Amino acid sequence: MNKQIATTVFESLSSGIRLDIFRLLVKFGPDGLVAGEIGKKLNVPPTNLSFHLKALVQADLLSVEQEGRFQRFKANIPLMLDIVAYLTEECCCGDTEKCRDYRKAKPQIEKFMPPLKTKKITKTK
């Protein structure tokens, strides 16, 4: 994995819709989904969906196979795993014991980073 590939992946996933599409397809693993099913599950209109699917395919995050008149999209799981490895390869200077401690602490993350509180906005007349 190199920086240019990682940057392309992150730029592609910076769209909320694209991130939703990718996460949905990861859920369905090697079976993937046809475009119509993706649109229905995410409530995205076909023209908008087509635009985002094309961008994800160009970034190599998705593969597409023609099935008659339908297109089946699948998440590029190996690329996803490569990105995770790229992000974490220098974690804790290679001390895997420290990394294990972080994995165990995941449920306790909110102790250090509490959820954001939203302020109620009241209109004044």
C-alpha atoms as a PDB file:
ATOM      1  CA  MET A   1       0.000   0.000   0.000  1.00  0.00           C
ATOM      2  CA  ASN A   2       1.297   3.419  -0.827  1.00  0.00           C
ATOM      3  CA  LYS A   3       0.198   6.893   0.156  1.00  0.00           C
ATOM      4  CA  GLN A   4      -1.339   7.701  -3.239  1.00  0.00           C
ATOM      5  CA  ILE A   5      -3.626   4.640  -3.158  1.00  0.00           C
ATOM      6  CA  ALA A   6      -4.609   5.367   0.452  1.00  0.00           C
ATOM      7  CA  THR A   7      -5.402   8.973  -0.404  1.00  0.00           C
ATOM      8  CA  THR A   8      -7.584   7.892  -3.343  1.00  0.00           C
ATOM      9  CA  VAL A   9      -9.483   5.475  -1.110  1.00  0.00           C
ATOM     10  CA  PHE A  10     -10.037   8.071   1.618  1.00  0.00           C
ATOM     11  CA  GLU A  11     -11.147  10.720  -0.882  1.00  0.00           C
ATOM     12  CA  SER A  12     -13.665   8.309  -2.346  1.00  0.00           C
ATOM     13  CA  LEU A  13     -15.041   7.359   1.068  1.00  0.00           C
ATOM     14  CA  SER A  14     -15.278  10.981   2.215  1.00  0.00           C
ATOM     15  CA  SER A  15     -18.803  11.136   0.752  1.00  0.00           C
ATOM     16  CA  GLY A  16     -21.419   9.961   3.238  1.00  0.00           C
ATOM     17  CA  ILE A  17     -23.375   8.129   0.532  1.00  0.00           C
ATOM     18  CA  ARG A  18     -20.266   6.345  -0.750  1.00  0.00           C
ATOM     19  CA  LEU A  19     -19.310   5.333   2.761  1.00  0.00           C
ATOM     20  CA  ASP A  20     -22.824   3.941   3.292  1.00  0.00           C
ATOM     21  CA  ILE A  21     -22.629   2.033  -0.003  1.00  0.00           C
ATOM     22  CA  PHE A  22     -19.245   0.552   0.824  1.00  0.00           C
ATOM     23  CA  ARG A  23     -20.268  -0.461   4.348  1.00  0.00           C
ATOM     24  CA  LEU A  24     -23.454  -2.062   3.013  1.00  0.00           C
ATOM     25  CA  LEU A  25     -21.517  -4.074   0.441  1.00  0.00           C
ATOM     26  CA  VAL A  26     -18.963  -5.168   3.043  1.00  0.00           C
ATOM     27  CA  LYS A  27     -21.900  -6.560   4.995  1.00  0.00           C
ATOM     28  CA  PHE A  28     -22.932  -8.695   2.012  1.00  0.00           C
ATOM     29  CA  GLY A  29     -19.368  -9.953   1.438  1.00  0.00           C
ATOM     30  CA  PRO A  30     -18.601 -11.938  -1.724  1.00  0.00           C
ATOM     31  CA  ASP A  31     -22.261 -12.043  -2.800  1.00  0.00           C
ATOM     32  CA  GLY A  32     -22.537  -8.282  -3.189  1.00  0.00           C
ATOM     33  CA  LEU A  33     -25.761  -6.651  -4.351  1.00  0.00           C
ATOM     34  CA  VAL A  34     -27.229  -5.486  -7.619  1.00  0.00           C
ATOM     35  CA  ALA A  35     -27.530  -1.730  -8.032  1.00  0.00           C
ATOM     36  CA  GLY A  36     -31.308  -1.697  -7.551  1.00  0.00           C
ATOM     37  CA  GLU A  37     -31.011  -3.471  -4.196  1.00  0.00           C
ATOM     38  CA  ILE A  38     -28.365  -0.983  -3.048  1.00  0.00           C
ATOM     39  CA  GLY A  39     -30.601   1.921  -4.023  1.00  0.00           C
ATOM     40  CA  LYS A  40     -33.611   0.454  -2.197  1.00  0.00           C
ATOM     41  CA  LYS A  41     -31.691  -0.340   0.969  1.00  0.00           C
ATOM     42  CA  LEU A  42     -30.110   3.114   1.144  1.00  0.00           C
ATOM     43  CA  ASN A  43     -33.010   5.071  -0.364  1.00  0.00           C
ATOM     44  CA  VAL A  44     -30.775   6.606  -3.044  1.00  0.00           C
ATOM     45  CA  PRO A  45     -32.268   7.529  -6.450  1.00  0.00           C
ATOM     46  CA  PRO A  46     -30.820   5.609  -9.447  1.00  0.00           C
ATOM     47  CA  THR A  47     -29.057   8.558 -11.086  1.00  0.00           C
ATOM     48  CA  ASN A  48     -27.412   9.610  -7.844  1.00  0.00           C
ATOM     49  CA  LEU A  49     -26.511   5.999  -7.021  1.00  0.00           C
ATOM     50  CA  SER A  50     -24.939   5.470 -10.450  1.00  0.00           C
ATOM     51  CA  PHE A  51     -22.668   8.481  -9.942  1.00  0.00           C
ATOM     52  CA  HIS A  52     -21.434   7.203  -6.563  1.00  0.00           C
ATOM     53  CA  LEU A  53     -21.020   3.587  -7.682  1.00  0.00           C
ATOM     54  CA  LYS A  54     -18.892   4.738 -10.616  1.00  0.00           C
ATOM     55  CA  ALA A  55     -16.618   6.718  -8.281  1.00  0.00           C
ATOM     56  CA  LEU A  56     -16.204   3.721  -5.954  1.00  0.00           C
ATOM     57  CA  VAL A  57     -15.378   1.419  -8.890  1.00  0.00           C
ATOM     58  CA  GLN A  58     -12.823   3.932 -10.200  1.00  0.00           C
ATOM     59  CA  ALA A  59     -11.193   4.028  -6.750  1.00  0.00           C
ATOM     60  CA  ASP A  60     -11.065   0.190  -6.876  1.00  0.00           C
ATOM     61  CA  LEU A  61     -13.199  -0.028  -3.726  1.00  0.00           C
ATOM     62  CA  LEU A  62     -15.873  -1.949  -5.631  1.00  0.00           C
ATOM     63  CA  SER A  63     -15.877  -4.461  -8.429  1.00  0.00           C
ATOM     64  CA  VAL A  64     -18.811  -4.863 -10.793  1.00  0.00           C
ATOM     65  CA  GLU A  65     -20.052  -7.873 -12.751  1.00  0.00           C
ATOM     66  CA  GLN A  66     -22.717  -7.859 -15.440  1.00  0.00           C
ATOM     67  CA  GLU A  67     -25.591 -10.286 -14.741  1.00  0.00           C
ATOM     68  CA  GLY A  68     -27.912 -10.098 -17.710  1.00  0.00           C
ATOM     69  CA  ARG A  69     -29.340  -6.596 -17.558  1.00  0.00           C
ATOM     70  CA  PHE A  70     -28.223  -6.038 -13.961  1.00  0.00           C
ATOM     71  CA  GLN A  71     -24.889  -5.052 -12.482  1.00  0.00           C
ATOM     72  CA  ARG A  72     -23.722  -6.719  -9.265  1.00  0.00           C
ATOM     73  CA  PHE A  73     -21.367  -4.690  -7.074  1.00  0.00           C
ATOM     74  CA  LYS A  74     -18.999  -6.196  -4.521  1.00  0.00           C
ATOM     75  CA  ALA A  75     -16.757  -4.550  -1.963  1.00  0.00           C
ATOM     76  CA  ASN A  76     -13.026  -4.975  -2.467  1.00  0.00           C
ATOM     77  CA  ILE A  77     -12.420  -6.590   0.923  1.00  0.00           C
ATOM     78  CA  PRO A  78      -8.680  -7.185   0.348  1.00  0.00           C
ATOM     79  CA  LEU A  79      -8.215  -3.456  -0.341  1.00  0.00           C
ATOM     80  CA  MET A  80     -10.149  -2.608   2.826  1.00  0.00           C
ATOM     81  CA  LEU A  81      -7.905  -4.895   4.858  1.00  0.00           C
ATOM     82  CA  ASP A  82      -4.813  -3.378   3.206  1.00  0.00           C
ATOM     83  CA  ILE A  83      -6.000   0.100   4.223  1.00  0.00           C
ATOM     84  CA  VAL A  84      -6.484  -1.008   7.823  1.00  0.00           C
ATOM     85  CA  ALA A  85      -3.020  -2.574   7.792  1.00  0.00           C
ATOM     86  CA  TYR A  86      -1.541   0.589   6.257  1.00  0.00           C
ATOM     87  CA  LEU A  87      -3.101   2.743   8.969  1.00  0.00           C
ATOM     88  CA  THR A  88      -1.960   0.515  11.788  1.00  0.00           C
ATOM     89  CA  GLU A  89       1.410  -0.793  10.606  1.00  0.00           C
ATOM     90  CA  GLU A  90       3.338   1.616  12.835  1.00  0.00           C
ATOM     91  CA  CYS A  91       0.945   1.428  15.785  1.00  0.00           C
ATOM     92  CA  CYS A  92       2.758   1.499  19.112  1.00  0.00           C
ATOM     93  CA  CYS A  93       6.099   1.308  17.294  1.00  0.00           C
ATOM     94  CA  GLY A  94       5.400  -2.322  16.477  1.00  0.00           C
ATOM     95  CA  ASP A  95       4.752  -3.365  20.094  1.00  0.00           C
ATOM     96  CA  THR A  96       1.845  -5.750  19.497  1.00  0.00           C
ATOM     97  CA  GLU A  97       1.155  -6.095  23.225  1.00  0.00           C
ATOM     98  CA  LYS A  98       0.210  -2.419  23.422  1.00  0.00           C
ATOM     99  CA  CYS A  99      -2.073  -2.790  20.416  1.00  0.00           C
ATOM    100  CA  ARG A 100      -3.852  -5.700  22.077  1.00  0.00           C
ATOM    101  CA  ASP A 101      -4.519  -3.453  25.048  1.00  0.00           C
ATOM    102  CA  TYR A 102      -6.179  -0.903  22.752  1.00  0.00           C
ATOM    103  CA  ARG A 103      -8.417  -3.564  21.221  1.00  0.00           C
ATOM    104  CA  LYS A 104      -9.545  -4.640  24.683  1.00  0.00           C
ATOM    105  CA  ALA A 105     -10.229  -1.018  25.637  1.00  0.00           C
ATOM    106  CA  LYS A 106     -12.623  -0.368  22.761  1.00  0.00           C
ATOM    107  CA  PRO A 107     -15.774  -0.456  24.948  1.00  0.00           C
ATOM    108  CA  GLN A 108     -14.129   2.042  27.260  1.00  0.00           C
ATOM    109  CA  ILE A 109     -13.377   4.624  24.571  1.00  0.00           C
ATOM    110  CA  GLU A 110     -16.276   6.811  25.696  1.00  0.00           C
ATOM    111  CA  LYS A 111     -14.450   7.392  28.992  1.00  0.00           C
ATOM    112  CA  PHE A 112     -11.849   9.327  27.034  1.00  0.00           C
ATOM    113  CA  MET A 113     -14.039  10.652  24.244  1.00  0.00           C
ATOM    114  CA  PRO A 114     -17.612  11.157  25.442  1.00  0.00           C
ATOM    115  CA  PRO A 115     -20.291  11.553  22.780  1.00  0.00           C
ATOM    116  CA  LEU A 116     -20.748  15.068  21.483  1.00  0.00           C
ATOM    117  CA  LYS A 117     -23.558  16.954  23.133  1.00  0.00           C
ATOM    118  CA  THR A 118     -25.804  18.880  20.827  1.00  0.00           C
ATOM    119  CA  LYS A 119     -27.089  22.245  21.892  1.00  0.00           C
ATOM    120  CA  LYS A 120     -30.711  23.095  21.458  1.00  0.00           C
ATOM    121  CA  ILE A 121     -31.130  26.173  19.362  1.00  0.00           C
ATOM    122  CA  THR A 122     -34.040  28.339  20.320  1.00  0.00           C
ATOM    123  CA  LYS A 123     -35.309  31.087  18.097  1.00  0.00           C
ATOM    124  CA  THR A 124     -35.840  34.501  19.581  1.00  0.00           C
ATOM    125  CA  LYS A 125     -38.512  36.790  18.218  1.00  0.00           C
END
